[in-house]
Amino acid sequence: MIGLFGGTFDPVHCGHLRAAHEARVALGLDRVLMVPCGDPPHRGRPRADGEQRLAWLRTAVGDHPYLIADDRELRRNGPSYTVDTLAELRHEVGPSEPVVLLLGVDAFLGLTGWHRWEQLLALAHLAILHRPDSVLPTADPTGDPLQRLLASRRCDSPCALRDSPSGRLHTLAITPLAISSTAVRRLLQDGGDPCCLVPDRLRDALMASDAYRAACV
């Protein structure tokens, strides 16, 4: 079973890595593909270019053989739509391999604004990674699209995700780490040290980079 965890990773930090690790363990994923977004359709362009973000991500996951830096969205032209990424991955792994798209609560709450979002569950399961104090919509078969989705597709056991290649939704509480890429960028812009916010092996590379120094982040 394969997990897919996308983001700008601008830059990647310990919160990203911890979430991916906890999801892999809790869901029994064989590996998690961490996919830097090339051209994010719902936000401004990343401050660091794709090549730099990918290099940092590869450095950050170097000690974790089950976390894979995947460059497919950086290689693809046009907006980085998740549905296209899942379709490409589904073509690679075949129709029977379970694939799990890992999403944070904020991403899930904005899901109905995603390109062809209704097709996502035909290609993968959804795992909503939330902090213990996060507020998710109430499952309601007569409610809004997300409430109906929770009512019709939610499964309580992660083991159920292995029974089919796609189509189910599972919620998973993860360790709350109050780290953001924005905060890391601002710290670096001010000449600060991101110690303990990013992996040690990445810290020196970020501090030596000019990617965030001159710009308002």
C-alpha atoms as a PDB file:
ATOM      1  CA  MET A   1       0.000   0.000   0.000  1.00  0.00           C
ATOM      2  CA  ILE A   2       1.409   3.353  -1.107  1.00  0.00           C
ATOM      3  CA  GLY A   3       0.912   6.758   0.467  1.00  0.00           C
ATOM      4  CA  LEU A   4       1.155  10.049  -1.408  1.00  0.00           C
ATOM      5  CA  PHE A   5       1.901  13.246   0.505  1.00  0.00           C
ATOM      6  CA  GLY A   6       2.063  16.423  -1.545  1.00  0.00           C
ATOM      7  CA  GLY A   7       3.026  19.975  -0.656  1.00  0.00           C
ATOM      8  CA  THR A   8       5.201  22.860  -1.698  1.00  0.00           C
ATOM      9  CA  PHE A   9       7.845  21.813   0.880  1.00  0.00           C
ATOM     10  CA  ASP A  10       9.179  25.369   0.793  1.00  0.00           C
ATOM     11  CA  PRO A  11      11.125  24.199   2.723  1.00  0.00           C
ATOM     12  CA  VAL A  12      10.370  20.750   4.103  1.00  0.00           C
ATOM     13  CA  HIS A  13      10.453  20.641   7.903  1.00  0.00           C
ATOM     14  CA  CYS A  14      10.118  18.208  10.804  1.00  0.00           C
ATOM     15  CA  GLY A  15       6.336  18.593  10.894  1.00  0.00           C
ATOM     16  CA  HIS A  16       6.090  17.202   7.357  1.00  0.00           C
ATOM     17  CA  LEU A  17       8.388  14.307   8.132  1.00  0.00           C
ATOM     18  CA  ARG A  18       6.687  13.416  11.403  1.00  0.00           C
ATOM     19  CA  ALA A  19       3.248  13.429   9.775  1.00  0.00           C
ATOM     20  CA  ALA A  20       4.453  11.175   6.948  1.00  0.00           C
ATOM     21  CA  HIS A  21       6.140   8.825   9.419  1.00  0.00           C
ATOM     22  CA  GLU A  22       3.108   8.551  11.700  1.00  0.00           C
ATOM     23  CA  ALA A  23       0.799   7.948   8.747  1.00  0.00           C
ATOM     24  CA  ARG A  24       3.066   5.226   7.397  1.00  0.00           C
ATOM     25  CA  VAL A  25       3.128   3.415  10.731  1.00  0.00           C
ATOM     26  CA  ALA A  26      -0.558   3.832  11.596  1.00  0.00           C
ATOM     27  CA  LEU A  27      -1.855   2.900   8.143  1.00  0.00           C
ATOM     28  CA  GLY A  28       0.703   0.187   7.410  1.00  0.00           C
ATOM     29  CA  LEU A  29       1.997   1.924   4.288  1.00  0.00           C
ATOM     30  CA  ASP A  30       4.907   0.299   2.504  1.00  0.00           C
ATOM     31  CA  ARG A  31       6.229   3.698   1.483  1.00  0.00           C
ATOM     32  CA  VAL A  32       5.186   7.319   1.265  1.00  0.00           C
ATOM     33  CA  LEU A  33       5.890   9.336  -1.862  1.00  0.00           C
ATOM     34  CA  MET A  34       6.557  12.945  -0.895  1.00  0.00           C
ATOM     35  CA  VAL A  35       5.735  15.057  -3.940  1.00  0.00           C
ATOM     36  CA  PRO A  36       6.843  18.702  -4.164  1.00  0.00           C
ATOM     37  CA  CYS A  37       4.298  20.782  -6.035  1.00  0.00           C
ATOM     38  CA  GLY A  38       5.598  22.281  -9.254  1.00  0.00           C
ATOM     39  CA  ASP A  39       2.965  24.906 -10.060  1.00  0.00           C
ATOM     40  CA  PRO A  40       0.440  25.118  -7.187  1.00  0.00           C
ATOM     41  CA  PRO A  41      -2.960  26.139  -8.585  1.00  0.00           C
ATOM     42  CA  HIS A  42      -4.414  27.414  -5.288  1.00  0.00           C
ATOM     43  CA  ARG A  43      -1.586  29.565  -3.929  1.00  0.00           C
ATOM     44  CA  GLY A  44       1.363  31.701  -5.009  1.00  0.00           C
ATOM     45  CA  ARG A  45       4.482  30.180  -6.459  1.00  0.00           C
ATOM     46  CA  PRO A  46       6.981  28.783  -3.939  1.00  0.00           C
ATOM     47  CA  ARG A  47       9.861  31.068  -2.934  1.00  0.00           C
ATOM     48  CA  ALA A  48      12.517  28.438  -3.694  1.00  0.00           C
ATOM     49  CA  ASP A  49      12.617  26.852  -7.141  1.00  0.00           C
ATOM     50  CA  GLY A  50      11.643  23.241  -7.706  1.00  0.00           C
ATOM     51  CA  GLU A  51      15.176  21.939  -8.109  1.00  0.00           C
ATOM     52  CA  GLN A  52      16.206  23.445  -4.766  1.00  0.00           C
ATOM     53  CA  ARG A  53      13.114  22.202  -2.907  1.00  0.00           C
ATOM     54  CA  LEU A  54      13.596  18.714  -4.321  1.00  0.00           C
ATOM     55  CA  ALA A  55      17.260  18.669  -3.289  1.00  0.00           C
ATOM     56  CA  TRP A  56      16.339  19.735   0.248  1.00  0.00           C
ATOM     57  CA  LEU A  57      13.608  17.113   0.400  1.00  0.00           C
ATOM     58  CA  ARG A  58      16.007  14.392  -0.717  1.00  0.00           C
ATOM     59  CA  THR A  59      18.424  15.490   1.979  1.00  0.00           C
ATOM     60  CA  ALA A  60      15.684  15.504   4.613  1.00  0.00           C
ATOM     61  CA  VAL A  61      14.402  11.990   3.836  1.00  0.00           C
ATOM     62  CA  GLY A  62      17.875  10.495   3.515  1.00  0.00           C
ATOM     63  CA  ASP A  63      17.603   8.654   6.843  1.00  0.00           C
ATOM     64  CA  HIS A  64      14.120   7.317   6.101  1.00  0.00           C
ATOM     65  CA  PRO A  65      14.136   4.654   3.355  1.00  0.00           C
ATOM     66  CA  TYR A  66      10.332   4.461   3.380  1.00  0.00           C
ATOM     67  CA  LEU A  67       9.947   8.185   2.580  1.00  0.00           C
ATOM     68  CA  ILE A  68      10.595   8.843  -1.106  1.00  0.00           C
ATOM     69  CA  ALA A  69      11.188  12.251  -2.690  1.00  0.00           C
ATOM     70  CA  ASP A  70       9.145  12.066  -5.900  1.00  0.00           C
ATOM     71  CA  ASP A  71       9.691  14.720  -8.600  1.00  0.00           C
ATOM     72  CA  ARG A  72       6.790  13.898 -10.940  1.00  0.00           C
ATOM     73  CA  GLU A  73       4.970  17.226 -10.468  1.00  0.00           C
ATOM     74  CA  LEU A  74       8.179  19.163 -11.056  1.00  0.00           C
ATOM     75  CA  ARG A  75       8.690  17.278 -14.330  1.00  0.00           C
ATOM     76  CA  ARG A  76       5.144  17.866 -15.529  1.00  0.00           C
ATOM     77  CA  ASN A  77       4.145  21.063 -17.325  1.00  0.00           C
ATOM     78  CA  GLY A  78       1.136  23.091 -16.265  1.00  0.00           C
ATOM     79  CA  PRO A  79      -0.674  23.373 -12.939  1.00  0.00           C
ATOM     80  CA  SER A  80       0.099  20.589 -10.445  1.00  0.00           C
ATOM     81  CA  TYR A  81      -3.333  19.034 -10.075  1.00  0.00           C
ATOM     82  CA  THR A  82      -3.470  16.180  -7.565  1.00  0.00           C
ATOM     83  CA  VAL A  83      -5.965  14.259  -9.679  1.00  0.00           C
ATOM     84  CA  ASP A  84      -3.395  14.119 -12.515  1.00  0.00           C
ATOM     85  CA  THR A  85      -0.684  12.965 -10.114  1.00  0.00           C
ATOM     86  CA  LEU A  86      -2.912  10.187  -8.774  1.00  0.00           C
ATOM     87  CA  ALA A  87      -3.913   9.142 -12.286  1.00  0.00           C
ATOM     88  CA  GLU A  88      -0.247   8.876 -13.249  1.00  0.00           C
ATOM     89  CA  LEU A  89       0.561   6.883 -10.119  1.00  0.00           C
ATOM     90  CA  ARG A  90      -2.452   4.609 -10.636  1.00  0.00           C
ATOM     91  CA  HIS A  91      -1.257   3.869 -14.161  1.00  0.00           C
ATOM     92  CA  GLU A  92       2.160   2.901 -12.773  1.00  0.00           C
ATOM     93  CA  VAL A  93       1.018   0.629  -9.936  1.00  0.00           C
ATOM     94  CA  GLY A  94      -1.975  -0.955 -11.627  1.00  0.00           C
ATOM     95  CA  PRO A  95      -5.665  -1.143 -10.757  1.00  0.00           C
ATOM     96  CA  SER A  96      -5.458  -3.294  -7.610  1.00  0.00           C
ATOM     97  CA  GLU A  97      -2.735  -1.631  -5.489  1.00  0.00           C
ATOM     98  CA  PRO A  98      -4.203   0.424  -2.610  1.00  0.00           C
ATOM     99  CA  VAL A  99      -3.097   4.064  -2.824  1.00  0.00           C
ATOM    100  CA  VAL A 100      -3.702   6.528   0.014  1.00  0.00           C
ATOM    101  CA  LEU A 101      -3.669  10.306  -0.460  1.00  0.00           C
ATOM    102  CA  LEU A 102      -2.553  11.957   2.791  1.00  0.00           C
ATOM    103  CA  LEU A 103      -4.232  15.310   3.476  1.00  0.00           C
ATOM    104  CA  GLY A 104      -4.178  17.791   6.309  1.00  0.00           C
ATOM    105  CA  VAL A 105      -7.449  19.108   7.682  1.00  0.00           C
ATOM    106  CA  ASP A 106      -7.104  22.478   5.927  1.00  0.00           C
ATOM    107  CA  ALA A 107      -6.595  20.763   2.588  1.00  0.00           C
ATOM    108  CA  PHE A 108      -9.599  18.526   3.189  1.00  0.00           C
ATOM    109  CA  LEU A 109     -11.815  21.480   4.089  1.00  0.00           C
ATOM    110  CA  GLY A 110     -10.927  23.050   0.728  1.00  0.00           C
ATOM    111  CA  LEU A 111     -11.309  19.829  -1.233  1.00  0.00           C
ATOM    112  CA  THR A 112     -14.389  20.849  -3.198  1.00  0.00           C
ATOM    113  CA  GLY A 113     -12.350  23.650  -4.791  1.00  0.00           C
ATOM    114  CA  TRP A 114      -9.810  21.218  -6.209  1.00  0.00           C
ATOM    115  CA  HIS A 115      -9.653  20.398  -9.915  1.00  0.00           C
ATOM    116  CA  ARG A 116     -11.920  17.390 -10.645  1.00  0.00           C
ATOM    117  CA  TRP A 117     -12.050  16.619  -6.932  1.00  0.00           C
ATOM    118  CA  GLU A 118     -14.917  14.133  -7.365  1.00  0.00           C
ATOM    119  CA  GLN A 119     -12.519  11.798  -9.209  1.00  0.00           C
ATOM    120  CA  LEU A 120      -9.991  11.554  -6.369  1.00  0.00           C
ATOM    121  CA  LEU A 121     -11.718   8.675  -4.594  1.00  0.00           C
ATOM    122  CA  ALA A 122     -11.879   6.692  -7.816  1.00  0.00           C
ATOM    123  CA  LEU A 123      -8.082   6.761  -7.814  1.00  0.00           C
ATOM    124  CA  ALA A 124      -7.141   6.552  -4.124  1.00  0.00           C
ATOM    125  CA  HIS A 125      -8.289   6.396  -0.536  1.00  0.00           C
ATOM    126  CA  LEU A 126      -8.133   9.611   1.499  1.00  0.00           C
ATOM    127  CA  ALA A 127      -6.447   9.781   4.905  1.00  0.00           C
ATOM    128  CA  ILE A 128      -7.165  13.013   6.785  1.00  0.00           C
ATOM    129  CA  LEU A 129      -4.285  13.785   9.146  1.00  0.00           C
ATOM    130  CA  HIS A 130      -5.506  15.965  11.983  1.00  0.00           C
ATOM    131  CA  ARG A 131      -4.314  17.232  15.311  1.00  0.00           C
ATOM    132  CA  PRO A 132      -6.288  16.034  18.344  1.00  0.00           C
ATOM    133  CA  ASP A 133      -7.928  19.487  18.687  1.00  0.00           C
ATOM    134  CA  SER A 134      -8.814  19.833  14.989  1.00  0.00           C
ATOM    135  CA  VAL A 135     -12.476  20.252  14.074  1.00  0.00           C
ATOM    136  CA  LEU A 136     -13.703  18.072  11.226  1.00  0.00           C
ATOM    137  CA  PRO A 137     -17.111  18.408   9.598  1.00  0.00           C
ATOM    138  CA  THR A 138     -19.886  16.242  11.001  1.00  0.00           C
ATOM    139  CA  ALA A 139     -20.763  13.218   8.914  1.00  0.00           C
ATOM    140  CA  ASP A 140     -24.211  13.880   7.465  1.00  0.00           C
ATOM    141  CA  PRO A 141     -25.726  12.121   4.437  1.00  0.00           C
ATOM    142  CA  THR A 142     -27.942  15.169   3.828  1.00  0.00           C
ATOM    143  CA  GLY A 143     -25.284  17.835   4.455  1.00  0.00           C
ATOM    144  CA  ASP A 144     -22.734  19.595   2.262  1.00  0.00           C
ATOM    145  CA  PRO A 145     -20.424  17.587  -0.044  1.00  0.00           C
ATOM    146  CA  LEU A 146     -17.766  17.003   2.625  1.00  0.00           C
ATOM    147  CA  GLN A 147     -20.337  15.916   5.196  1.00  0.00           C
ATOM    148  CA  ARG A 148     -21.824  13.497   2.685  1.00  0.00           C
ATOM    149  CA  LEU A 149     -18.357  12.213   1.857  1.00  0.00           C
ATOM    150  CA  LEU A 150     -17.633  11.503   5.520  1.00  0.00           C
ATOM    151  CA  ALA A 151     -21.018   9.798   5.930  1.00  0.00           C
ATOM    152  CA  SER A 152     -20.655   7.532   2.904  1.00  0.00           C
ATOM    153  CA  ARG A 153     -16.937   6.788   2.635  1.00  0.00           C
ATOM    154  CA  ARG A 154     -15.477   6.917   6.152  1.00  0.00           C
ATOM    155  CA  CYS A 155     -13.981   3.740   7.632  1.00  0.00           C
ATOM    156  CA  ASP A 156     -12.853   3.496  11.250  1.00  0.00           C
ATOM    157  CA  SER A 157     -10.160   0.861  10.789  1.00  0.00           C
ATOM    158  CA  PRO A 158      -7.035   1.575   8.719  1.00  0.00           C
ATOM    159  CA  CYS A 159      -6.960  -2.140   7.876  1.00  0.00           C
ATOM    160  CA  ALA A 160     -10.038  -1.593   5.709  1.00  0.00           C
ATOM    161  CA  LEU A 161      -7.940   0.489   3.317  1.00  0.00           C
ATOM    162  CA  ARG A 162      -6.148  -2.674   2.212  1.00  0.00           C
ATOM    163  CA  ASP A 163      -9.392  -4.322   1.111  1.00  0.00           C
ATOM    164  CA  SER A 164      -9.764  -2.155  -2.001  1.00  0.00           C
ATOM    165  CA  PRO A 165      -7.536   0.052  -4.148  1.00  0.00           C
ATOM    166  CA  SER A 166      -9.476   3.278  -3.567  1.00  0.00           C
ATOM    167  CA  GLY A 167     -12.712   4.852  -2.464  1.00  0.00           C
ATOM    168  CA  ARG A 168     -12.528   5.039   1.344  1.00  0.00           C
ATOM    169  CA  LEU A 169     -11.793   7.813   3.816  1.00  0.00           C
ATOM    170  CA  HIS A 170     -10.018   7.445   7.142  1.00  0.00           C
ATOM    171  CA  THR A 171      -9.200  10.071   9.763  1.00  0.00           C
ATOM    172  CA  LEU A 172      -5.967   9.841  11.724  1.00  0.00           C
ATOM    173  CA  ALA A 173      -4.862  11.961  14.686  1.00  0.00           C
ATOM    174  CA  ILE A 174      -1.173  12.869  14.540  1.00  0.00           C
ATOM    175  CA  THR A 175       1.260  14.557  16.910  1.00  0.00           C
ATOM    176  CA  PRO A 176       0.673  18.330  16.905  1.00  0.00           C
ATOM    177  CA  LEU A 177       3.897  20.074  15.898  1.00  0.00           C
ATOM    178  CA  ALA A 178       3.462  23.819  15.543  1.00  0.00           C
ATOM    179  CA  ILE A 179       5.955  24.228  12.705  1.00  0.00           C
ATOM    180  CA  SER A 180       5.278  25.921   9.385  1.00  0.00           C
ATOM    181  CA  SER A 181       7.345  26.518   6.281  1.00  0.00           C
ATOM    182  CA  THR A 182       6.445  30.202   6.530  1.00  0.00           C
ATOM    183  CA  ALA A 183       7.963  30.431  10.008  1.00  0.00           C
ATOM    184  CA  VAL A 184      11.118  28.636   8.855  1.00  0.00           C
ATOM    185  CA  ARG A 185      11.473  31.003   5.885  1.00  0.00           C
ATOM    186  CA  ARG A 186      11.064  34.075   8.064  1.00  0.00           C
ATOM    187  CA  LEU A 187      13.614  32.763  10.528  1.00  0.00           C
ATOM    188  CA  LEU A 188      16.126  32.190   7.740  1.00  0.00           C
ATOM    189  CA  GLN A 189      15.394  35.596   6.226  1.00  0.00           C
ATOM    190  CA  ASP A 190      16.285  37.166   9.581  1.00  0.00           C
ATOM    191  CA  GLY A 191      19.526  35.189   9.768  1.00  0.00           C
ATOM    192  CA  GLY A 192      18.165  32.822  12.407  1.00  0.00           C
ATOM    193  CA  ASP A 193      18.965  29.176  13.032  1.00  0.00           C
ATOM    194  CA  PRO A 194      16.192  26.631  12.213  1.00  0.00           C
ATOM    195  CA  CYS A 195      17.668  24.139  14.693  1.00  0.00           C
ATOM    196  CA  CYS A 196      15.090  21.503  15.737  1.00  0.00           C
ATOM    197  CA  LEU A 197      12.579  22.775  13.162  1.00  0.00           C
ATOM    198  CA  VAL A 198      14.244  20.962  10.267  1.00  0.00           C
ATOM    199  CA  PRO A 199      16.342  17.771  10.213  1.00  0.00           C
ATOM    200  CA  ASP A 200      19.928  18.302  11.332  1.00  0.00           C
ATOM    201  CA  ARG A 201      21.240  17.122   7.969  1.00  0.00           C
ATOM    202  CA  LEU A 202      19.225  19.866   6.240  1.00  0.00           C
ATOM    203  CA  ARG A 203      19.962  22.711   8.646  1.00  0.00           C
ATOM    204  CA  ASP A 204      23.366  23.728   7.264  1.00  0.00           C
ATOM    205  CA  ALA A 205      22.151  23.638   3.658  1.00  0.00           C
ATOM    206  CA  LEU A 206      19.259  25.963   4.447  1.00  0.00           C
ATOM    207  CA  MET A 207      21.437  28.384   6.382  1.00  0.00           C
ATOM    208  CA  ALA A 208      23.940  28.508   3.516  1.00  0.00           C
ATOM    209  CA  SER A 209      21.253  29.151   0.897  1.00  0.00           C
ATOM    210  CA  ASP A 210      20.195  32.584  -0.368  1.00  0.00           C
ATOM    211  CA  ALA A 211      16.742  31.343  -1.333  1.00  0.00           C
ATOM    212  CA  TYR A 212      14.893  33.186   1.436  1.00  0.00           C
ATOM    213  CA  ARG A 213      17.220  35.970   2.446  1.00  0.00           C
ATOM    214  CA  ALA A 214      16.292  38.828   0.158  1.00  0.00           C
ATOM    215  CA  ALA A 215      12.576  38.314  -0.259  1.00  0.00           C
ATOM    216  CA  CYS A 216       9.537  39.032   1.829  1.00  0.00           C
ATOM    217  CA  VAL A 217       8.269  35.595   2.849  1.00  0.00           C
END
